């Protein structure tokens, strides 16, 4: 409807992909809202906006950020596919999917014209996904990470 271009590409990917982030943020907020420090803030008389911006959002952002890194590869491949089909970036602009489409006619004589943008998409998606996995490990609650370490949490007495 809007025609090809950067704005249309970003709008299409955003309209299709925002719901998992909303579900994750809602789930995180509901889980954080049951914690003791939220109850303590309520008992101390903190207003709800203060509690939301001081406690809930900062604690929910980390897992959502890790999810964004993990989903980046999907969005990069989808953007490349749309550009390959001619629905993304137009010729004055540059996109890996458009480069794949342009190199398709010369693939037998010069395979690097297709191989280079394809590998660039793959390596970028893979490296951002690995970063996202590392962030997801960091985003896990401390108790679970410590319990998974050999010997259990530090400071635990061996006699107990």
C-alpha atoms as a PDB file:
ATOM      1  CA  UNK A   1       0.000   0.000   0.000  1.00  0.00           C
ATOM      2  CA  UNK A   2       2.747   2.459   0.961  1.00  0.00           C
ATOM      3  CA  UNK A   3       5.210   1.406  -1.736  1.00  0.00           C
ATOM      4  CA  UNK A   4       8.791   0.208  -1.324  1.00  0.00           C
ATOM      5  CA  UNK A   5      11.395   2.011   0.795  1.00  0.00           C
ATOM      6  CA  UNK A   6      13.147   2.099   4.167  1.00  0.00           C
ATOM      7  CA  UNK A   7      10.149   3.516   6.029  1.00  0.00           C
ATOM      8  CA  UNK A   8       7.764   0.939   4.642  1.00  0.00           C
ATOM      9  CA  UNK A   9      10.191  -1.861   5.452  1.00  0.00           C
ATOM     10  CA  UNK A  10      10.608  -0.744   9.056  1.00  0.00           C
ATOM     11  CA  UNK A  11       6.864  -0.170   9.458  1.00  0.00           C
ATOM     12  CA  UNK A  12       6.012  -3.619   8.070  1.00  0.00           C
ATOM     13  CA  UNK A  13       8.498  -5.410  10.316  1.00  0.00           C
ATOM     14  CA  UNK A  14       7.377  -3.404  13.362  1.00  0.00           C
ATOM     15  CA  UNK A  15       3.664  -4.037  12.806  1.00  0.00           C
ATOM     16  CA  UNK A  16       4.280  -7.754  12.464  1.00  0.00           C
ATOM     17  CA  UNK A  17       6.813  -8.198  15.279  1.00  0.00           C
ATOM     18  CA  UNK A  18       5.794  -6.084  18.287  1.00  0.00           C
ATOM     19  CA  UNK A  19       3.466  -8.571  20.015  1.00  0.00           C
ATOM     20  CA  UNK A  20       6.093 -10.969  21.447  1.00  0.00           C
ATOM     21  CA  UNK A  21       7.837  -8.009  23.071  1.00  0.00           C
ATOM     22  CA  UNK A  22       4.577  -6.764  24.585  1.00  0.00           C
ATOM     23  CA  UNK A  23       3.818 -10.239  25.948  1.00  0.00           C
ATOM     24  CA  UNK A  24       7.328 -10.583  27.385  1.00  0.00           C
ATOM     25  CA  UNK A  25       7.187  -7.135  29.030  1.00  0.00           C
ATOM     26  CA  UNK A  26       3.744  -7.833  30.486  1.00  0.00           C
ATOM     27  CA  UNK A  27       4.872 -11.189  31.872  1.00  0.00           C
ATOM     28  CA  UNK A  28       8.001  -9.658  33.367  1.00  0.00           C
ATOM     29  CA  UNK A  29       5.998  -6.826  34.936  1.00  0.00           C
ATOM     30  CA  UNK A  30       3.491  -9.259  36.449  1.00  0.00           C
ATOM     31  CA  UNK A  31       6.287 -11.426  37.847  1.00  0.00           C
ATOM     32  CA  UNK A  32       8.224  -8.475  39.257  1.00  0.00           C
ATOM     33  CA  UNK A  33       5.034  -7.078  40.803  1.00  0.00           C
ATOM     34  CA  UNK A  34       4.865 -10.131  43.106  1.00  0.00           C
ATOM     35  CA  UNK A  35       8.305  -9.566  44.624  1.00  0.00           C
ATOM     36  CA  UNK A  36       8.866  -8.482  48.193  1.00  0.00           C
ATOM     37  CA  UNK A  37      10.549  -5.169  47.395  1.00  0.00           C
ATOM     38  CA  UNK A  38       7.438  -4.065  45.470  1.00  0.00           C
ATOM     39  CA  UNK A  39       5.311  -4.877  48.524  1.00  0.00           C
ATOM     40  CA  UNK A  40       7.804  -2.971  50.688  1.00  0.00           C
ATOM     41  CA  UNK A  41       7.541   0.060  48.402  1.00  0.00           C
ATOM     42  CA  UNK A  42       3.742  -0.071  48.686  1.00  0.00           C
ATOM     43  CA  UNK A  43       3.936  -0.292  52.468  1.00  0.00           C
ATOM     44  CA  UNK A  44       6.302   2.685  52.551  1.00  0.00           C
ATOM     45  CA  UNK A  45       3.734   4.682  50.619  1.00  0.00           C
ATOM     46  CA  UNK A  46       5.442   4.916  47.218  1.00  0.00           C
ATOM     47  CA  UNK A  47       3.063   5.921  44.466  1.00  0.00           C
ATOM     48  CA  UNK A  48       2.476   3.524  41.575  1.00  0.00           C
ATOM     49  CA  UNK A  49       4.276   5.633  38.888  1.00  0.00           C
ATOM     50  CA  UNK A  50       7.371   5.795  41.099  1.00  0.00           C
ATOM     51  CA  UNK A  51       7.268   2.022  41.620  1.00  0.00           C
ATOM     52  CA  UNK A  52       6.808   1.405  37.893  1.00  0.00           C
ATOM     53  CA  UNK A  53       9.689   3.646  36.780  1.00  0.00           C
ATOM     54  CA  UNK A  54      12.015   2.854  39.679  1.00  0.00           C
ATOM     55  CA  UNK A  55      11.538  -0.902  40.081  1.00  0.00           C
ATOM     56  CA  UNK A  56       9.413  -2.626  37.444  1.00  0.00           C
ATOM     57  CA  UNK A  57      10.722  -1.157  34.178  1.00  0.00           C
ATOM     58  CA  UNK A  58      14.452  -1.344  35.040  1.00  0.00           C
ATOM     59  CA  UNK A  59      14.098  -4.984  36.080  1.00  0.00           C
ATOM     60  CA  UNK A  60      11.996  -5.941  33.043  1.00  0.00           C
ATOM     61  CA  UNK A  61      14.136  -4.242  30.400  1.00  0.00           C
ATOM     62  CA  UNK A  62      17.048  -6.674  30.537  1.00  0.00           C
ATOM     63  CA  UNK A  63      15.149  -9.795  29.423  1.00  0.00           C
ATOM     64  CA  UNK A  64      13.304  -7.807  26.753  1.00  0.00           C
ATOM     65  CA  UNK A  65      16.630  -6.474  25.450  1.00  0.00           C
ATOM     66  CA  UNK A  66      18.011 -10.009  25.294  1.00  0.00           C
ATOM     67  CA  UNK A  67      14.918 -11.054  23.354  1.00  0.00           C
ATOM     68  CA  UNK A  68      15.418  -8.151  20.934  1.00  0.00           C
ATOM     69  CA  UNK A  69      18.947  -9.347  20.188  1.00  0.00           C
ATOM     70  CA  UNK A  70      17.687 -12.892  19.647  1.00  0.00           C
ATOM     71  CA  UNK A  71      14.941 -11.715  17.271  1.00  0.00           C
ATOM     72  CA  UNK A  72      17.255  -9.389  15.315  1.00  0.00           C
ATOM     73  CA  UNK A  73      18.404 -12.206  13.031  1.00  0.00           C
ATOM     74  CA  UNK A  74      14.814 -12.998  12.072  1.00  0.00           C
ATOM     75  CA  UNK A  75      14.136  -9.365  11.245  1.00  0.00           C
ATOM     76  CA  UNK A  76      17.383  -9.035   9.268  1.00  0.00           C
ATOM     77  CA  UNK A  77      16.490 -12.068   7.157  1.00  0.00           C
ATOM     78  CA  UNK A  78      12.914 -10.810   6.694  1.00  0.00           C
ATOM     79  CA  UNK A  79      14.198  -7.385   5.589  1.00  0.00           C
ATOM     80  CA  UNK A  80      16.582  -9.064   3.157  1.00  0.00           C
ATOM     81  CA  UNK A  81      13.786 -11.234   1.789  1.00  0.00           C
ATOM     82  CA  UNK A  82      11.499  -8.244   1.260  1.00  0.00           C
ATOM     83  CA  UNK A  83      14.291  -6.357  -0.501  1.00  0.00           C
ATOM     84  CA  UNK A  84      15.065  -9.419  -2.608  1.00  0.00           C
ATOM     85  CA  UNK A  85      11.438  -9.438  -3.737  1.00  0.00           C
ATOM     86  CA  UNK A  86      11.588  -5.734  -4.564  1.00  0.00           C
ATOM     87  CA  UNK A  87       9.437  -4.591  -1.635  1.00  0.00           C
ATOM     88  CA  UNK A  88      12.251  -3.106   0.430  1.00  0.00           C
ATOM     89  CA  UNK A  89      14.979  -0.639  -0.418  1.00  0.00           C
ATOM     90  CA  UNK A  90      15.008   0.794  -3.946  1.00  0.00           C
ATOM     91  CA  UNK A  91      18.100   1.101  -6.226  1.00  0.00           C
ATOM     92  CA  UNK A  92      19.614   4.373  -5.006  1.00  0.00           C
ATOM     93  CA  UNK A  93      19.730   2.765  -1.563  1.00  0.00           C
ATOM     94  CA  UNK A  94      21.732  -0.318  -0.728  1.00  0.00           C
ATOM     95  CA  UNK A  95      20.523  -3.499   0.963  1.00  0.00           C
ATOM     96  CA  UNK A  96      21.879  -7.042   1.127  1.00  0.00           C
ATOM     97  CA  UNK A  97      18.612  -8.506  -0.155  1.00  0.00           C
ATOM     98  CA  UNK A  98      18.669  -6.167  -3.166  1.00  0.00           C
ATOM     99  CA  UNK A  99      22.310  -7.117  -3.772  1.00  0.00           C
ATOM    100  CA  UNK A 100      21.281 -10.784  -3.812  1.00  0.00           C
ATOM    101  CA  UNK A 101      18.555 -10.015  -6.341  1.00  0.00           C
ATOM    102  CA  UNK A 102      20.942  -8.015  -8.555  1.00  0.00           C
ATOM    103  CA  UNK A 103      23.636 -10.709  -8.457  1.00  0.00           C
ATOM    104  CA  UNK A 104      21.230 -13.502  -9.313  1.00  0.00           C
ATOM    105  CA  UNK A 105      21.635 -12.952 -13.070  1.00  0.00           C
ATOM    106  CA  UNK A 106      25.456 -13.247 -12.851  1.00  0.00           C
ATOM    107  CA  UNK A 107      25.587 -16.126 -10.368  1.00  0.00           C
ATOM    108  CA  UNK A 108      27.123 -18.689 -12.743  1.00  0.00           C
ATOM    109  CA  UNK A 109      30.036 -16.489 -13.849  1.00  0.00           C
ATOM    110  CA  UNK A 110      30.572 -14.500 -10.624  1.00  0.00           C
ATOM    111  CA  UNK A 111      29.217 -16.423  -7.632  1.00  0.00           C
ATOM    112  CA  UNK A 112      30.797 -13.948  -5.226  1.00  0.00           C
ATOM    113  CA  UNK A 113      28.131 -11.387  -6.183  1.00  0.00           C
ATOM    114  CA  UNK A 114      25.564 -13.594  -4.443  1.00  0.00           C
ATOM    115  CA  UNK A 115      27.816 -15.275  -1.910  1.00  0.00           C
ATOM    116  CA  UNK A 116      29.129 -12.064  -0.308  1.00  0.00           C
ATOM    117  CA  UNK A 117      25.763 -10.509   0.637  1.00  0.00           C
ATOM    118  CA  UNK A 118      24.399 -13.912   1.671  1.00  0.00           C
ATOM    119  CA  UNK A 119      27.361 -14.507   3.987  1.00  0.00           C
ATOM    120  CA  UNK A 120      27.084 -10.950   5.327  1.00  0.00           C
ATOM    121  CA  UNK A 121      23.449 -11.574   6.291  1.00  0.00           C
ATOM    122  CA  UNK A 122      24.334 -14.931   7.848  1.00  0.00           C
ATOM    123  CA  UNK A 123      27.354 -13.711   9.838  1.00  0.00           C
ATOM    124  CA  UNK A 124      25.567 -10.600  11.094  1.00  0.00           C
ATOM    125  CA  UNK A 125      22.481 -12.553  12.168  1.00  0.00           C
ATOM    126  CA  UNK A 126      24.619 -15.224  13.838  1.00  0.00           C
ATOM    127  CA  UNK A 127      26.828 -12.801  15.755  1.00  0.00           C
ATOM    128  CA  UNK A 128      23.915 -10.705  17.022  1.00  0.00           C
ATOM    129  CA  UNK A 129      22.101 -13.896  18.071  1.00  0.00           C
ATOM    130  CA  UNK A 130      25.166 -15.073  20.020  1.00  0.00           C
ATOM    131  CA  UNK A 131      25.324 -11.694  21.769  1.00  0.00           C
ATOM    132  CA  UNK A 132      21.614 -12.074  22.578  1.00  0.00           C
ATOM    133  CA  UNK A 133      22.180 -15.516  24.050  1.00  0.00           C
ATOM    134  CA  UNK A 134      24.925 -14.147  26.270  1.00  0.00           C
ATOM    135  CA  UNK A 135      22.634 -11.320  27.389  1.00  0.00           C
ATOM    136  CA  UNK A 136      19.915 -13.848  28.144  1.00  0.00           C
ATOM    137  CA  UNK A 137      22.318 -15.729  30.416  1.00  0.00           C
ATOM    138  CA  UNK A 138      23.159 -12.495  32.207  1.00  0.00           C
ATOM    139  CA  UNK A 139      19.447 -11.584  32.463  1.00  0.00           C
ATOM    140  CA  UNK A 140      18.576 -14.747  34.384  1.00  0.00           C
ATOM    141  CA  UNK A 141      17.974 -14.239  38.060  1.00  0.00           C
ATOM    142  CA  UNK A 142      21.110 -14.527  40.157  1.00  0.00           C
ATOM    143  CA  UNK A 143      19.767 -17.361  42.308  1.00  0.00           C
ATOM    144  CA  UNK A 144      19.315 -19.683  39.339  1.00  0.00           C
ATOM    145  CA  UNK A 145      22.777 -18.954  37.990  1.00  0.00           C
ATOM    146  CA  UNK A 146      24.389 -19.508  41.385  1.00  0.00           C
ATOM    147  CA  UNK A 147      22.482 -22.720  41.979  1.00  0.00           C
ATOM    148  CA  UNK A 148      23.752 -24.071  38.655  1.00  0.00           C
ATOM    149  CA  UNK A 149      27.400 -23.439  39.586  1.00  0.00           C
ATOM    150  CA  UNK A 150      29.349 -26.353  41.059  1.00  0.00           C
ATOM    151  CA  UNK A 151      29.259 -26.122  44.830  1.00  0.00           C
ATOM    152  CA  UNK A 152      26.104 -23.999  44.859  1.00  0.00           C
ATOM    153  CA  UNK A 153      25.900 -20.382  45.974  1.00  0.00           C
ATOM    154  CA  UNK A 154      29.012 -18.831  47.524  1.00  0.00           C
ATOM    155  CA  UNK A 155      29.065 -18.505  51.303  1.00  0.00           C
ATOM    156  CA  UNK A 156      27.195 -21.730  51.770  1.00  0.00           C
ATOM    157  CA  UNK A 157      28.619 -23.817  54.561  1.00  0.00           C
ATOM    158  CA  UNK A 158      29.665 -27.313  53.465  1.00  0.00           C
ATOM    159  CA  UNK A 159      28.543 -28.743  56.836  1.00  0.00           C
ATOM    160  CA  UNK A 160      24.963 -27.495  56.470  1.00  0.00           C
END
